[in-house]
Amino acid sequence: MEGSPLACRSQVDIAPVYRTPSPEHSVVEGGDGKPTEQSYAVFKELSGRLDVQLAKLDTIVKTDVPALNKEFAKKKIDSVK
């Protein structure tokens, strides 16, 4: 499926980013004080990883979805919205 619109499924992997909240999550959410430096570091790391995956998703939405919709139109199938 390389090069086909359906090949995009393997390009976005949110599993490493979207998991059960970590212990750091409860530290940040549960305290009244300022988050620890470690909490900021984890947030920065996860935010960066999420940004990478969101950029890949944005590319897919802008390029692969229109190509897929063209193929769907040829076969008279409802488009992806």
PDB file of N, CA and C in Angstrom:
ATOM      1  N   MET A   1       0.812  -1.193   0.000  1.00  0.00           N
ATOM      2  CA  MET A   1       0.000   0.000   0.000  1.00  0.00           C
ATOM      3  C   MET A   1       0.857   1.258   0.000  1.00  0.00           C
ATOM      4  N   GLU A   2       2.149   1.118  -0.144  1.00  0.00           N
ATOM      5  CA  GLU A   2       3.047   2.258  -0.169  1.00  0.00           C
ATOM      6  C   GLU A   2       2.619   3.220  -1.277  1.00  0.00           C
ATOM      7  N   GLY A   3       2.518   4.491  -0.955  1.00  0.00           N
ATOM      8  CA  GLY A   3       2.124   5.489  -1.921  1.00  0.00           C
ATOM      9  C   GLY A   3       0.624   5.655  -2.057  1.00  0.00           C
ATOM     10  N   SER A   4      -0.147   4.741  -1.517  1.00  0.00           N
ATOM     11  CA  SER A   4      -1.593   4.868  -1.616  1.00  0.00           C
ATOM     12  C   SER A   4      -2.114   5.716  -0.469  1.00  0.00           C
ATOM     13  N   PRO A   5      -3.304   6.294  -0.633  1.00  0.00           N
ATOM     14  CA  PRO A   5      -3.868   7.096   0.447  1.00  0.00           C
ATOM     15  C   PRO A   5      -4.039   6.315   1.747  1.00  0.00           C
ATOM     16  N   LEU A   6      -4.210   5.015   1.659  1.00  0.00           N
ATOM     17  CA  LEU A   6      -4.410   4.228   2.869  1.00  0.00           C
ATOM     18  C   LEU A   6      -3.105   3.955   3.603  1.00  0.00           C
ATOM     19  N   ALA A   7      -1.978   4.197   2.975  1.00  0.00           N
ATOM     20  CA  ALA A   7      -0.686   3.980   3.624  1.00  0.00           C
ATOM     21  C   ALA A   7      -0.473   4.944   4.778  1.00  0.00           C
ATOM     22  N   CYS A   8      -1.222   6.018   4.821  1.00  0.00           N
ATOM     23  CA  CYS A   8      -1.047   7.028   5.862  1.00  0.00           C
ATOM     24  C   CYS A   8      -1.354   6.482   7.248  1.00  0.00           C
ATOM     25  N   ARG A   9      -2.094   5.413   7.366  1.00  0.00           N
ATOM     26  CA  ARG A   9      -2.466   4.881   8.680  1.00  0.00           C
ATOM     27  C   ARG A   9      -1.252   4.565   9.529  1.00  0.00           C
ATOM     28  N   SER A  10      -0.166   4.138   8.909  1.00  0.00           N
ATOM     29  CA  SER A  10       1.007   3.776   9.683  1.00  0.00           C
ATOM     30  C   SER A  10       1.891   4.972  10.001  1.00  0.00           C
ATOM     31  N   GLN A  11       1.587   6.138   9.488  1.00  0.00           N
ATOM     32  CA  GLN A  11       2.438   7.304   9.689  1.00  0.00           C
ATOM     33  C   GLN A  11       2.185   8.009  11.005  1.00  0.00           C
ATOM     34  N   VAL A  12       1.029   7.868  11.588  1.00  0.00           N
ATOM     35  CA  VAL A  12       0.720   8.554  12.834  1.00  0.00           C
ATOM     36  C   VAL A  12       0.591   7.523  13.933  1.00  0.00           C
ATOM     37  N   ASP A  13       1.413   7.685  14.939  1.00  0.00           N
ATOM     38  CA  ASP A  13       1.408   6.745  16.050  1.00  0.00           C
ATOM     39  C   ASP A  13       1.216   7.523  17.344  1.00  0.00           C
ATOM     40  N   ILE A  14      -0.033   7.622  17.798  1.00  0.00           N
ATOM     41  CA  ILE A  14      -0.295   8.384  19.015  1.00  0.00           C
ATOM     42  C   ILE A  14      -0.208   7.515  20.255  1.00  0.00           C
ATOM     43  N   ALA A  15      -0.031   6.216  20.091  1.00  0.00           N
ATOM     44  CA  ALA A  15       0.010   5.325  21.251  1.00  0.00           C
ATOM     45  C   ALA A  15       1.064   5.732  22.276  1.00  0.00           C
ATOM     46  N   PRO A  16       2.288   6.106  21.864  1.00  0.00           N
ATOM     47  CA  PRO A  16       3.267   6.482  22.885  1.00  0.00           C
ATOM     48  C   PRO A  16       2.888   7.762  23.631  1.00  0.00           C
ATOM     49  N   VAL A  17       2.076   8.592  23.036  1.00  0.00           N
ATOM     50  CA  VAL A  17       1.717   9.872  23.649  1.00  0.00           C
ATOM     51  C   VAL A  17       0.402   9.767  24.409  1.00  0.00           C
ATOM     52  N   TYR A  18      -0.549   9.031  23.864  1.00  0.00           N
ATOM     53  CA  TYR A  18      -1.895   8.985  24.415  1.00  0.00           C
ATOM     54  C   TYR A  18      -2.083   7.702  25.207  1.00  0.00           C
ATOM     55  N   ARG A  19      -1.669   7.755  26.441  1.00  0.00           N
ATOM     56  CA  ARG A  19      -1.805   6.597  27.324  1.00  0.00           C
ATOM     57  C   ARG A  19      -2.478   7.041  28.612  1.00  0.00           C
ATOM     58  N   THR A  20      -2.675   6.101  29.506  1.00  0.00           N
ATOM     59  CA  THR A  20      -3.222   6.413  30.817  1.00  0.00           C
ATOM     60  C   THR A  20      -2.355   7.486  31.463  1.00  0.00           C
ATOM     61  N   PRO A  21      -2.968   8.462  32.125  1.00  0.00           N
ATOM     62  CA  PRO A  21      -2.168   9.527  32.740  1.00  0.00           C
ATOM     63  C   PRO A  21      -1.067   8.972  33.633  1.00  0.00           C
ATOM     64  N   SER A  22       0.081   9.590  33.535  1.00  0.00           N
ATOM     65  CA  SER A  22       1.244   9.150  34.299  1.00  0.00           C
ATOM     66  C   SER A  22       1.181   9.664  35.726  1.00  0.00           C
ATOM     67  N   PRO A  23       2.057   9.158  36.584  1.00  0.00           N
ATOM     68  CA  PRO A  23       2.111   9.700  37.947  1.00  0.00           C
ATOM     69  C   PRO A  23       2.392  11.201  37.956  1.00  0.00           C
ATOM     70  N   GLU A  24       3.143  11.671  36.963  1.00  0.00           N
ATOM     71  CA  GLU A  24       3.427  13.105  36.881  1.00  0.00           C
ATOM     72  C   GLU A  24       2.140  13.903  36.700  1.00  0.00           C
ATOM     73  N   HIS A  25       1.182  13.317  36.001  1.00  0.00           N
ATOM     74  CA  HIS A  25      -0.099  13.995  35.792  1.00  0.00           C
ATOM     75  C   HIS A  25      -0.769  14.270  37.124  1.00  0.00           C
ATOM     76  N   SER A  26      -0.778  13.276  38.008  1.00  0.00           N
ATOM     77  CA  SER A  26      -1.435  13.467  39.304  1.00  0.00           C
ATOM     78  C   SER A  26      -0.666  14.457  40.170  1.00  0.00           C
ATOM     79  N   VAL A  27       0.650  14.536  40.009  1.00  0.00           N
ATOM     80  CA  VAL A  27       1.443  15.510  40.750  1.00  0.00           C
ATOM     81  C   VAL A  27       1.044  16.921  40.343  1.00  0.00           C
ATOM     82  N   VAL A  28       0.922  17.142  39.062  1.00  0.00           N
ATOM     83  CA  VAL A  28       0.572  18.473  38.564  1.00  0.00           C
ATOM     84  C   VAL A  28      -0.870  18.815  38.911  1.00  0.00           C
ATOM     85  N   GLU A  29      -1.770  17.864  38.760  1.00  0.00           N
ATOM     86  CA  GLU A  29      -3.184  18.116  38.999  1.00  0.00           C
ATOM     87  C   GLU A  29      -3.543  18.178  40.478  1.00  0.00           C
ATOM     88  N   GLY A  30      -2.793  17.500  41.322  1.00  0.00           N
ATOM     89  CA  GLY A  30      -3.212  17.321  42.703  1.00  0.00           C
ATOM     90  C   GLY A  30      -2.655  18.307  43.713  1.00  0.00           C
ATOM     91  N   GLY A  31      -1.682  19.099  43.344  1.00  0.00           N
ATOM     92  CA  GLY A  31      -1.067  19.974  44.336  1.00  0.00           C
ATOM     93  C   GLY A  31      -1.498  21.418  44.211  1.00  0.00           C
ATOM     94  N   ASP A  32      -1.333  22.137  45.311  1.00  0.00           N
ATOM     95  CA  ASP A  32      -1.626  23.563  45.304  1.00  0.00           C
ATOM     96  C   ASP A  32      -0.388  24.386  44.964  1.00  0.00           C
ATOM     97  N   GLY A  33       0.772  23.776  45.065  1.00  0.00           N
ATOM     98  CA  GLY A  33       2.018  24.485  44.817  1.00  0.00           C
ATOM     99  C   GLY A  33       2.405  24.466  43.355  1.00  0.00           C
ATOM    100  N   LYS A  34       3.533  25.111  43.090  1.00  0.00           N
ATOM    101  CA  LYS A  34       4.091  25.159  41.742  1.00  0.00           C
ATOM    102  C   LYS A  34       4.533  23.755  41.324  1.00  0.00           C
ATOM    103  N   PRO A  35       4.309  23.371  40.055  1.00  0.00           N
ATOM    104  CA  PRO A  35       4.783  22.064  39.588  1.00  0.00           C
ATOM    105  C   PRO A  35       6.309  21.971  39.712  1.00  0.00           C
ATOM    106  N   THR A  36       6.791  20.766  39.882  1.00  0.00           N
ATOM    107  CA  THR A  36       8.225  20.541  40.006  1.00  0.00           C
ATOM    108  C   THR A  36       8.901  20.711  38.647  1.00  0.00           C
ATOM    109  N   GLU A  37      10.216  20.849  38.680  1.00  0.00           N
ATOM    110  CA  GLU A  37      10.986  20.940  37.434  1.00  0.00           C
ATOM    111  C   GLU A  37      10.803  19.665  36.611  1.00  0.00           C
ATOM    112  N   GLN A  38      10.712  18.520  37.304  1.00  0.00           N
ATOM    113  CA  GLN A  38      10.499  17.259  36.599  1.00  0.00           C
ATOM    114  C   GLN A  38       9.146  17.256  35.890  1.00  0.00           C
ATOM    115  N   SER A  39       8.140  17.835  36.518  1.00  0.00           N
ATOM    116  CA  SER A  39       6.824  17.906  35.894  1.00  0.00           C
ATOM    117  C   SER A  39       6.871  18.756  34.633  1.00  0.00           C
ATOM    118  N   TYR A  40       7.586  19.875  34.710  1.00  0.00           N
ATOM    119  CA  TYR A  40       7.742  20.722  33.525  1.00  0.00           C
ATOM    120  C   TYR A  40       8.502  19.986  32.423  1.00  0.00           C
ATOM    121  N   ALA A  41       9.529  19.223  32.805  1.00  0.00           N
ATOM    122  CA  ALA A  41      10.314  18.480  31.822  1.00  0.00           C
ATOM    123  C   ALA A  41       9.456  17.423  31.120  1.00  0.00           C
ATOM    124  N   VAL A  42       8.650  16.706  31.896  1.00  0.00           N
ATOM    125  CA  VAL A  42       7.769  15.693  31.308  1.00  0.00           C
ATOM    126  C   VAL A  42       6.756  16.359  30.379  1.00  0.00           C
ATOM    127  N   PHE A  43       6.177  17.460  30.814  1.00  0.00           N
ATOM    128  CA  PHE A  43       5.213  18.175  29.975  1.00  0.00           C
ATOM    129  C   PHE A  43       5.864  18.615  28.665  1.00  0.00           C
ATOM    130  N   LYS A  44       7.072  19.157  28.753  1.00  0.00           N
ATOM    131  CA  LYS A  44       7.776  19.618  27.556  1.00  0.00           C
ATOM    132  C   LYS A  44       8.053  18.456  26.608  1.00  0.00           C
ATOM    133  N   GLU A  45       8.511  17.333  27.166  1.00  0.00           N
ATOM    134  CA  GLU A  45       8.798  16.151  26.351  1.00  0.00           C
ATOM    135  C   GLU A  45       7.536  15.636  25.656  1.00  0.00           C
ATOM    136  N   LEU A  46       6.467  15.464  26.415  1.00  0.00           N
ATOM    137  CA  LEU A  46       5.230  14.934  25.836  1.00  0.00           C
ATOM    138  C   LEU A  46       4.608  15.920  24.853  1.00  0.00           C
ATOM    139  N   SER A  47       4.702  17.198  25.150  1.00  0.00           N
ATOM    140  CA  SER A  47       4.171  18.209  24.223  1.00  0.00           C
ATOM    141  C   SER A  47       4.921  18.165  22.897  1.00  0.00           C
ATOM    142  N   GLY A  48       6.228  18.007  22.962  1.00  0.00           N
ATOM    143  CA  GLY A  48       7.026  17.908  21.740  1.00  0.00           C
ATOM    144  C   GLY A  48       6.677  16.678  20.929  1.00  0.00           C
ATOM    145  N   ARG A  49       6.506  15.558  21.611  1.00  0.00           N
ATOM    146  CA  ARG A  49       6.133  14.328  20.908  1.00  0.00           C
ATOM    147  C   ARG A  49       4.746  14.453  20.295  1.00  0.00           C
ATOM    148  N   LEU A  50       3.835  15.083  21.017  1.00  0.00           N
ATOM    149  CA  LEU A  50       2.491  15.285  20.490  1.00  0.00           C
ATOM    150  C   LEU A  50       2.517  16.211  19.280  1.00  0.00           C
ATOM    151  N   ASP A  51       3.323  17.265  19.331  1.00  0.00           N
ATOM    152  CA  ASP A  51       3.432  18.189  18.195  1.00  0.00           C
ATOM    153  C   ASP A  51       3.899  17.476  16.932  1.00  0.00           C
ATOM    154  N   VAL A  52       4.843  16.547  17.080  1.00  0.00           N
ATOM    155  CA  VAL A  52       5.332  15.772  15.932  1.00  0.00           C
ATOM    156  C   VAL A  52       4.188  14.963  15.321  1.00  0.00           C
ATOM    157  N   GLN A  53       3.429  14.275  16.170  1.00  0.00           N
ATOM    158  CA  GLN A  53       2.322  13.457  15.672  1.00  0.00           C
ATOM    159  C   GLN A  53       1.218  14.318  15.056  1.00  0.00           C
ATOM    160  N   LEU A  54       0.942  15.467  15.663  1.00  0.00           N
ATOM    161  CA  LEU A  54      -0.085  16.367  15.109  1.00  0.00           C
ATOM    162  C   LEU A  54       0.339  16.928  13.758  1.00  0.00           C
ATOM    163  N   ALA A  55       1.620  17.197  13.581  1.00  0.00           N
ATOM    164  CA  ALA A  55       2.120  17.666  12.283  1.00  0.00           C
ATOM    165  C   ALA A  55       1.940  16.581  11.220  1.00  0.00           C
ATOM    166  N   LYS A  56       2.215  15.332  11.588  1.00  0.00           N
ATOM    167  CA  LYS A  56       1.998  14.223  10.651  1.00  0.00           C
ATOM    168  C   LYS A  56       0.521  14.101  10.292  1.00  0.00           C
ATOM    169  N   LEU A  57      -0.335  14.213  11.294  1.00  0.00           N
ATOM    170  CA  LEU A  57      -1.775  14.131  11.048  1.00  0.00           C
ATOM    171  C   LEU A  57      -2.233  15.265  10.138  1.00  0.00           C
ATOM    172  N   ASP A  58      -1.719  16.466  10.372  1.00  0.00           N
ATOM    173  CA  ASP A  58      -2.085  17.612   9.544  1.00  0.00           C
ATOM    174  C   ASP A  58      -1.699  17.373   8.086  1.00  0.00           C
ATOM    175  N   THR A  59      -0.518  16.809   7.869  1.00  0.00           N
ATOM    176  CA  THR A  59      -0.076  16.495   6.509  1.00  0.00           C
ATOM    177  C   THR A  59      -1.006  15.482   5.861  1.00  0.00           C
ATOM    178  N   ILE A  60      -1.386  14.471   6.612  1.00  0.00           N
ATOM    179  CA  ILE A  60      -2.300  13.444   6.091  1.00  0.00           C
ATOM    180  C   ILE A  60      -3.633  14.068   5.707  1.00  0.00           C
ATOM    181  N   VAL A  61      -4.159  14.902   6.584  1.00  0.00           N
ATOM    182  CA  VAL A  61      -5.459  15.529   6.324  1.00  0.00           C
ATOM    183  C   VAL A  61      -5.390  16.415   5.077  1.00  0.00           C
ATOM    184  N   LYS A  62      -4.272  17.099   4.887  1.00  0.00           N
ATOM    185  CA  LYS A  62      -4.145  18.024   3.758  1.00  0.00           C
ATOM    186  C   LYS A  62      -3.796  17.339   2.452  1.00  0.00           C
ATOM    187  N   THR A  63      -3.151  16.172   2.489  1.00  0.00           N
ATOM    188  CA  THR A  63      -2.716  15.535   1.243  1.00  0.00           C
ATOM    189  C   THR A  63      -3.387  14.194   0.978  1.00  0.00           C
ATOM    190  N   ASP A  64      -3.356  13.306   1.954  1.00  0.00           N
ATOM    191  CA  ASP A  64      -3.877  11.960   1.721  1.00  0.00           C
ATOM    192  C   ASP A  64      -5.391  11.899   1.675  1.00  0.00           C
ATOM    193  N   VAL A  65      -6.059  12.668   2.514  1.00  0.00           N
ATOM    194  CA  VAL A  65      -7.526  12.621   2.536  1.00  0.00           C
ATOM    195  C   VAL A  65      -8.104  13.122   1.210  1.00  0.00           C
ATOM    196  N   PRO A  66      -7.609  14.241   0.651  1.00  0.00           N
ATOM    197  CA  PRO A  66      -8.136  14.633  -0.655  1.00  0.00           C
ATOM    198  C   PRO A  66      -7.899  13.582  -1.742  1.00  0.00           C
ATOM    199  N   ALA A  67      -6.745  12.930  -1.710  1.00  0.00           N
ATOM    200  CA  ALA A  67      -6.472  11.869  -2.689  1.00  0.00           C
ATOM    201  C   ALA A  67      -7.430  10.694  -2.494  1.00  0.00           C
ATOM    202  N   LEU A  68      -7.675  10.341  -1.253  1.00  0.00           N
ATOM    203  CA  LEU A  68      -8.618   9.272  -0.951  1.00  0.00           C
ATOM    204  C   LEU A  68     -10.023   9.648  -1.420  1.00  0.00           C
ATOM    205  N   ASN A  69     -10.423  10.888  -1.179  1.00  0.00           N
ATOM    206  CA  ASN A  69     -11.748  11.335  -1.604  1.00  0.00           C
ATOM    207  C   ASN A  69     -11.901  11.304  -3.119  1.00  0.00           C
ATOM    208  N   LYS A  70     -10.815  11.577  -3.855  1.00  0.00           N
ATOM    209  CA  LYS A  70     -10.883  11.476  -5.321  1.00  0.00           C
ATOM    210  C   LYS A  70     -11.179  10.040  -5.740  1.00  0.00           C
ATOM    211  N   GLU A  71     -10.497   9.108  -5.085  1.00  0.00           N
ATOM    212  CA  GLU A  71     -10.740   7.694  -5.396  1.00  0.00           C
ATOM    213  C   GLU A  71     -12.165   7.294  -5.014  1.00  0.00           C
ATOM    214  N   PHE A  72     -12.632   7.787  -3.876  1.00  0.00           N
ATOM    215  CA  PHE A  72     -14.008   7.506  -3.463  1.00  0.00           C
ATOM    216  C   PHE A  72     -15.002   8.067  -4.466  1.00  0.00           C
ATOM    217  N   ALA A  73     -14.747   9.269  -4.953  1.00  0.00           N
ATOM    218  CA  ALA A  73     -15.655   9.911  -5.914  1.00  0.00           C
ATOM    219  C   ALA A  73     -15.760   9.063  -7.192  1.00  0.00           C
ATOM    220  N   LYS A  74     -14.648   8.508  -7.632  1.00  0.00           N
ATOM    221  CA  LYS A  74     -14.646   7.664  -8.826  1.00  0.00           C
ATOM    222  C   LYS A  74     -15.551   6.449  -8.632  1.00  0.00           C
ATOM    223  N   LYS A  75     -15.625   5.975  -7.412  1.00  0.00           N
ATOM    224  CA  LYS A  75     -16.430   4.788  -7.118  1.00  0.00           C
ATOM    225  C   LYS A  75     -17.789   5.131  -6.521  1.00  0.00           C
ATOM    226  N   LYS A  76     -18.102   6.434  -6.523  1.00  0.00           N
ATOM    227  CA  LYS A  76     -19.367   6.935  -5.999  1.00  0.00           C
ATOM    228  C   LYS A  76     -19.583   6.535  -4.517  1.00  0.00           C
ATOM    229  N   ILE A  77     -18.529   6.715  -3.734  1.00  0.00           N
ATOM    230  CA  ILE A  77     -18.569   6.452  -2.298  1.00  0.00           C
ATOM    231  C   ILE A  77     -18.507   7.810  -1.601  1.00  0.00           C
ATOM    232  N   ASP A  78     -19.242   7.935  -0.494  1.00  0.00           N
ATOM    233  CA  ASP A  78     -19.206   9.194   0.259  1.00  0.00           C
ATOM    234  C   ASP A  78     -17.780   9.531   0.670  1.00  0.00           C
ATOM    235  N   SER A  79     -17.465  10.816   0.611  1.00  0.00           N
ATOM    236  CA  SER A  79     -16.124  11.264   0.947  1.00  0.00           C
ATOM    237  C   SER A  79     -15.884  11.318   2.446  1.00  0.00           C
ATOM    238  N   VAL A  80     -14.602  11.368   2.814  1.00  0.00           N
ATOM    239  CA  VAL A  80     -14.191  11.535   4.191  1.00  0.00           C
ATOM    240  C   VAL A  80     -14.253  13.019   4.510  1.00  0.00           C
ATOM    241  N   LYS A  81     -14.879  13.344   5.613  1.00  0.00           N
ATOM    242  CA  LYS A  81     -15.010  14.772   5.972  1.00  0.00           C
ATOM    243  C   LYS A  81     -14.267  15.089   7.215  1.00  0.00           C
TER     244      LYS A  81
END
